[in-house]
Amino acid sequence: MASRSSDVRPKIKLRSTAGTGHTYISMKNRRNTPDRIVLRKYDPVVRRHVEFREER
């Protein structure tokens, strides 16, 4: 069985840049996107869309 560190599709945490501490859990393909992901998603704490950045 493959180890977690060498997974092609690891689980990642997306943390809000609004400083609310809200996170989303997602998966990404490490071969297609080796850099950190930045997505614009809804933050229910501030009730608007903000950027969410991948944290490791």
PDB file of N, CA and C in Angstrom:
ATOM      1  N   MET A   1       0.832  -1.183   0.000  1.00  0.00           N
ATOM      2  CA  MET A   1       0.000   0.000   0.000  1.00  0.00           C
ATOM      3  C   MET A   1       0.878   1.248   0.000  1.00  0.00           C
ATOM      4  N   ALA A   2       0.494   2.250  -0.768  1.00  0.00           N
ATOM      5  CA  ALA A   2       1.280   3.472  -0.884  1.00  0.00           C
ATOM      6  C   ALA A   2       1.188   4.290   0.402  1.00  0.00           C
ATOM      7  N   SER A   3       2.296   4.972   0.707  1.00  0.00           N
ATOM      8  CA  SER A   3       2.281   5.804   1.905  1.00  0.00           C
ATOM      9  C   SER A   3       1.540   7.117   1.647  1.00  0.00           C
ATOM     10  N   ARG A   4       1.084   7.741   2.687  1.00  0.00           N
ATOM     11  CA  ARG A   4       0.292   8.975   2.575  1.00  0.00           C
ATOM     12  C   ARG A   4       1.098  10.125   1.971  1.00  0.00           C
ATOM     13  N   SER A   5       2.388  10.199   2.250  1.00  0.00           N
ATOM     14  CA  SER A   5       3.198  11.318   1.768  1.00  0.00           C
ATOM     15  C   SER A   5       3.429  11.261   0.260  1.00  0.00           C
ATOM     16  N   SER A   6       3.311  10.080  -0.341  1.00  0.00           N
ATOM     17  CA  SER A   6       3.545   9.967  -1.777  1.00  0.00           C
ATOM     18  C   SER A   6       2.243   9.821  -2.561  1.00  0.00           C
ATOM     19  N   ASP A   7       1.101  10.109  -1.929  1.00  0.00           N
ATOM     20  CA  ASP A   7      -0.178  10.050  -2.628  1.00  0.00           C
ATOM     21  C   ASP A   7      -0.208  11.040  -3.783  1.00  0.00           C
ATOM     22  N   VAL A   8      -0.821  10.634  -4.880  1.00  0.00           N
ATOM     23  CA  VAL A   8      -0.984  11.540  -6.014  1.00  0.00           C
ATOM     24  C   VAL A   8      -2.095  12.542  -5.706  1.00  0.00           C
ATOM     25  N   ARG A   9      -3.120  12.106  -4.952  1.00  0.00           N
ATOM     26  CA  ARG A   9      -4.243  12.982  -4.597  1.00  0.00           C
ATOM     27  C   ARG A   9      -4.353  13.109  -3.076  1.00  0.00           C
ATOM     28  N   PRO A  10      -3.506  13.944  -2.454  1.00  0.00           N
ATOM     29  CA  PRO A  10      -3.568  14.083  -0.996  1.00  0.00           C
ATOM     30  C   PRO A  10      -4.710  15.001  -0.564  1.00  0.00           C
ATOM     31  N   LYS A  11      -5.160  14.819   0.691  1.00  0.00           N
ATOM     32  CA  LYS A  11      -6.135  15.731   1.273  1.00  0.00           C
ATOM     33  C   LYS A  11      -5.415  17.010   1.661  1.00  0.00           C
ATOM     34  N   ILE A  12      -6.062  18.152   1.439  1.00  0.00           N
ATOM     35  CA  ILE A  12      -5.483  19.445   1.792  1.00  0.00           C
ATOM     36  C   ILE A  12      -6.504  20.248   2.579  1.00  0.00           C
ATOM     37  N   LYS A  13      -6.018  21.190   3.373  1.00  0.00           N
ATOM     38  CA  LYS A  13      -6.875  22.125   4.092  1.00  0.00           C
ATOM     39  C   LYS A  13      -6.812  23.468   3.380  1.00  0.00           C
ATOM     40  N   LEU A  14      -7.972  24.074   3.186  1.00  0.00           N
ATOM     41  CA  LEU A  14      -8.051  25.415   2.622  1.00  0.00           C
ATOM     42  C   LEU A  14      -8.502  26.347   3.737  1.00  0.00           C
ATOM     43  N   ARG A  15      -7.642  27.288   4.135  1.00  0.00           N
ATOM     44  CA  ARG A  15      -7.951  28.199   5.238  1.00  0.00           C
ATOM     45  C   ARG A  15      -8.290  29.586   4.708  1.00  0.00           C
ATOM     46  N   SER A  16      -9.285  30.205   5.309  1.00  0.00           N
ATOM     47  CA  SER A  16      -9.773  31.517   4.891  1.00  0.00           C
ATOM     48  C   SER A  16      -8.714  32.588   5.117  1.00  0.00           C
ATOM     49  N   THR A  17      -8.611  33.536   4.178  1.00  0.00           N
ATOM     50  CA  THR A  17      -7.692  34.659   4.331  1.00  0.00           C
ATOM     51  C   THR A  17      -8.342  35.815   5.076  1.00  0.00           C
ATOM     52  N   ALA A  18      -9.639  35.690   5.423  1.00  0.00           N
ATOM     53  CA  ALA A  18     -10.329  36.742   6.156  1.00  0.00           C
ATOM     54  C   ALA A  18      -9.987  36.707   7.646  1.00  0.00           C
ATOM     55  N   GLY A  19      -9.234  35.714   8.088  1.00  0.00           N
ATOM     56  CA  GLY A  19      -8.822  35.638   9.480  1.00  0.00           C
ATOM     57  C   GLY A  19      -9.866  35.050  10.411  1.00  0.00           C
ATOM     58  N   THR A  20     -10.860  34.363   9.854  1.00  0.00           N
ATOM     59  CA  THR A  20     -11.917  33.791  10.676  1.00  0.00           C
ATOM     60  C   THR A  20     -11.570  32.398  11.174  1.00  0.00           C
ATOM     61  N   GLY A  21     -10.602  31.748  10.555  1.00  0.00           N
ATOM     62  CA  GLY A  21     -10.227  30.397  10.952  1.00  0.00           C
ATOM     63  C   GLY A  21     -11.071  29.322  10.300  1.00  0.00           C
ATOM     64  N   HIS A  22     -11.978  29.686   9.404  1.00  0.00           N
ATOM     65  CA  HIS A  22     -12.827  28.703   8.730  1.00  0.00           C
ATOM     66  C   HIS A  22     -11.998  27.937   7.707  1.00  0.00           C
ATOM     67  N   THR A  23     -12.192  26.612   7.646  1.00  0.00           N
ATOM     68  CA  THR A  23     -11.434  25.784   6.707  1.00  0.00           C
ATOM     69  C   THR A  23     -12.359  24.878   5.911  1.00  0.00           C
ATOM     70  N   TYR A  24     -11.910  24.536   4.732  1.00  0.00           N
ATOM     71  CA  TYR A  24     -12.531  23.508   3.902  1.00  0.00           C
ATOM     72  C   TYR A  24     -11.507  22.398   3.723  1.00  0.00           C
ATOM     73  N   ILE A  25     -11.966  21.162   3.586  1.00  0.00           N
ATOM     74  CA  ILE A  25     -11.102  20.022   3.290  1.00  0.00           C
ATOM     75  C   ILE A  25     -11.371  19.623   1.853  1.00  0.00           C
ATOM     76  N   SER A  26     -10.309  19.422   1.078  1.00  0.00           N
ATOM     77  CA  SER A  26     -10.450  19.048  -0.321  1.00  0.00           C
ATOM     78  C   SER A  26      -9.304  18.128  -0.704  1.00  0.00           C
ATOM     79  N   MET A  27      -9.310  17.682  -1.940  1.00  0.00           N
ATOM     80  CA  MET A  27      -8.210  16.884  -2.469  1.00  0.00           C
ATOM     81  C   MET A  27      -7.687  17.560  -3.721  1.00  0.00           C
ATOM     82  N   LYS A  28      -6.417  17.336  -4.016  1.00  0.00           N
ATOM     83  CA  LYS A  28      -5.863  17.883  -5.249  1.00  0.00           C
ATOM     84  C   LYS A  28      -4.939  16.858  -5.887  1.00  0.00           C
ATOM     85  N   ASN A  29      -4.753  17.010  -7.182  1.00  0.00           N
ATOM     86  CA  ASN A  29      -3.835  16.149  -7.907  1.00  0.00           C
ATOM     87  C   ASN A  29      -2.455  16.806  -7.881  1.00  0.00           C
ATOM     88  N   ARG A  30      -1.517  16.163  -7.204  1.00  0.00           N
ATOM     89  CA  ARG A  30      -0.183  16.744  -7.036  1.00  0.00           C
ATOM     90  C   ARG A  30       0.586  16.841  -8.349  1.00  0.00           C
ATOM     91  N   ARG A  31       0.291  15.967  -9.298  1.00  0.00           N
ATOM     92  CA  ARG A  31       0.992  16.027 -10.589  1.00  0.00           C
ATOM     93  C   ARG A  31       0.554  17.224 -11.425  1.00  0.00           C
ATOM     94  N   ASN A  32      -0.755  17.540 -11.409  1.00  0.00           N
ATOM     95  CA  ASN A  32      -1.266  18.656 -12.215  1.00  0.00           C
ATOM     96  C   ASN A  32      -1.057  20.005 -11.555  1.00  0.00           C
ATOM     97  N   THR A  33      -1.140  20.065 -10.236  1.00  0.00           N
ATOM     98  CA  THR A  33      -0.994  21.335  -9.512  1.00  0.00           C
ATOM     99  C   THR A  33      -0.006  21.165  -8.366  1.00  0.00           C
ATOM    100  N   PRO A  34       1.297  21.231  -8.648  1.00  0.00           N
ATOM    101  CA  PRO A  34       2.284  21.059  -7.583  1.00  0.00           C
ATOM    102  C   PRO A  34       2.369  22.257  -6.641  1.00  0.00           C
ATOM    103  N   ASP A  35       1.934  23.445  -7.100  1.00  0.00           N
ATOM    104  CA  ASP A  35       1.978  24.637  -6.260  1.00  0.00           C
ATOM    105  C   ASP A  35       0.786  24.660  -5.316  1.00  0.00           C
ATOM    106  N   ARG A  36       0.808  25.601  -4.384  1.00  0.00           N
ATOM    107  CA  ARG A  36      -0.307  25.723  -3.447  1.00  0.00           C
ATOM    108  C   ARG A  36      -1.515  26.331  -4.154  1.00  0.00           C
ATOM    109  N   ILE A  37      -2.693  25.833  -3.796  1.00  0.00           N
ATOM    110  CA  ILE A  37      -3.939  26.250  -4.435  1.00  0.00           C
ATOM    111  C   ILE A  37      -4.514  27.475  -3.720  1.00  0.00           C
ATOM    112  N   VAL A  38      -5.071  28.406  -4.507  1.00  0.00           N
ATOM    113  CA  VAL A  38      -5.827  29.531  -3.974  1.00  0.00           C
ATOM    114  C   VAL A  38      -7.179  29.516  -4.673  1.00  0.00           C
ATOM    115  N   LEU A  39      -8.260  29.337  -3.886  1.00  0.00           N
ATOM    116  CA  LEU A  39      -9.609  29.301  -4.427  1.00  0.00           C
ATOM    117  C   LEU A  39     -10.461  30.366  -3.759  1.00  0.00           C
ATOM    118  N   ARG A  40     -11.455  30.858  -4.491  1.00  0.00           N
ATOM    119  CA  ARG A  40     -12.391  31.819  -3.941  1.00  0.00           C
ATOM    120  C   ARG A  40     -13.651  31.059  -3.542  1.00  0.00           C
ATOM    121  N   LYS A  41     -13.917  30.977  -2.228  1.00  0.00           N
ATOM    122  CA  LYS A  41     -15.036  30.203  -1.703  1.00  0.00           C
ATOM    123  C   LYS A  41     -15.790  31.031  -0.667  1.00  0.00           C
ATOM    124  N   TYR A  42     -16.947  30.519  -0.282  1.00  0.00           N
ATOM    125  CA  TYR A  42     -17.807  31.224   0.665  1.00  0.00           C
ATOM    126  C   TYR A  42     -17.337  31.012   2.100  1.00  0.00           C
ATOM    127  N   ASP A  43     -17.209  32.097   2.849  1.00  0.00           N
ATOM    128  CA  ASP A  43     -16.873  32.041   4.266  1.00  0.00           C
ATOM    129  C   ASP A  43     -18.130  32.398   5.057  1.00  0.00           C
ATOM    130  N   PRO A  44     -18.744  31.429   5.746  1.00  0.00           N
ATOM    131  CA  PRO A  44     -19.993  31.705   6.446  1.00  0.00           C
ATOM    132  C   PRO A  44     -19.845  32.632   7.648  1.00  0.00           C
ATOM    133  N   VAL A  45     -18.642  32.795   8.173  1.00  0.00           N
ATOM    134  CA  VAL A  45     -18.438  33.667   9.324  1.00  0.00           C
ATOM    135  C   VAL A  45     -18.595  35.133   8.928  1.00  0.00           C
ATOM    136  N   VAL A  46     -17.971  35.522   7.804  1.00  0.00           N
ATOM    137  CA  VAL A  46     -18.103  36.906   7.326  1.00  0.00           C
ATOM    138  C   VAL A  46     -19.215  37.046   6.294  1.00  0.00           C
ATOM    139  N   ARG A  47     -19.827  35.920   5.912  1.00  0.00           N
ATOM    140  CA  ARG A  47     -20.962  35.856   4.983  1.00  0.00           C
ATOM    141  C   ARG A  47     -20.661  36.510   3.630  1.00  0.00           C
ATOM    142  N   ARG A  48     -19.516  36.165   3.068  1.00  0.00           N
ATOM    143  CA  ARG A  48     -19.167  36.587   1.714  1.00  0.00           C
ATOM    144  C   ARG A  48     -18.078  35.681   1.168  1.00  0.00           C
ATOM    145  N   HIS A  49     -17.796  35.817  -0.114  1.00  0.00           N
ATOM    146  CA  HIS A  49     -16.755  35.011  -0.750  1.00  0.00           C
ATOM    147  C   HIS A  49     -15.392  35.670  -0.524  1.00  0.00           C
ATOM    148  N   VAL A  50     -14.439  34.872  -0.099  1.00  0.00           N
ATOM    149  CA  VAL A  50     -13.066  35.329   0.117  1.00  0.00           C
ATOM    150  C   VAL A  50     -12.114  34.283  -0.438  1.00  0.00           C
ATOM    151  N   GLU A  51     -10.838  34.622  -0.502  1.00  0.00           N
ATOM    152  CA  GLU A  51      -9.835  33.664  -0.971  1.00  0.00           C
ATOM    153  C   GLU A  51      -9.504  32.680   0.142  1.00  0.00           C
ATOM    154  N   PHE A  52      -9.375  31.421  -0.235  1.00  0.00           N
ATOM    155  CA  PHE A  52      -8.946  30.360   0.657  1.00  0.00           C
ATOM    156  C   PHE A  52      -7.633  29.832   0.118  1.00  0.00           C
ATOM    157  N   ARG A  53      -6.609  29.747   0.968  1.00  0.00           N
ATOM    158  CA  ARG A  53      -5.296  29.282   0.549  1.00  0.00           C
ATOM    159  C   ARG A  53      -4.996  27.922   1.166  1.00  0.00           C
ATOM    160  N   GLU A  54      -4.279  27.126   0.400  1.00  0.00           N
ATOM    161  CA  GLU A  54      -3.881  25.802   0.875  1.00  0.00           C
ATOM    162  C   GLU A  54      -2.848  25.942   1.977  1.00  0.00           C
ATOM    163  N   GLU A  55      -3.061  25.206   3.054  1.00  0.00           N
ATOM    164  CA  GLU A  55      -2.044  25.155   4.107  1.00  0.00           C
ATOM    165  C   GLU A  55      -1.551  23.731   4.235  1.00  0.00           C
ATOM    166  N   ARG A  56      -0.329  23.573   4.679  1.00  0.00           N
ATOM    167  CA  ARG A  56       0.265  22.243   4.794  1.00  0.00           C
ATOM    168  C   ARG A  56       0.563  21.909   6.216  1.00  0.00           C
TER     169      ARG A  56
END
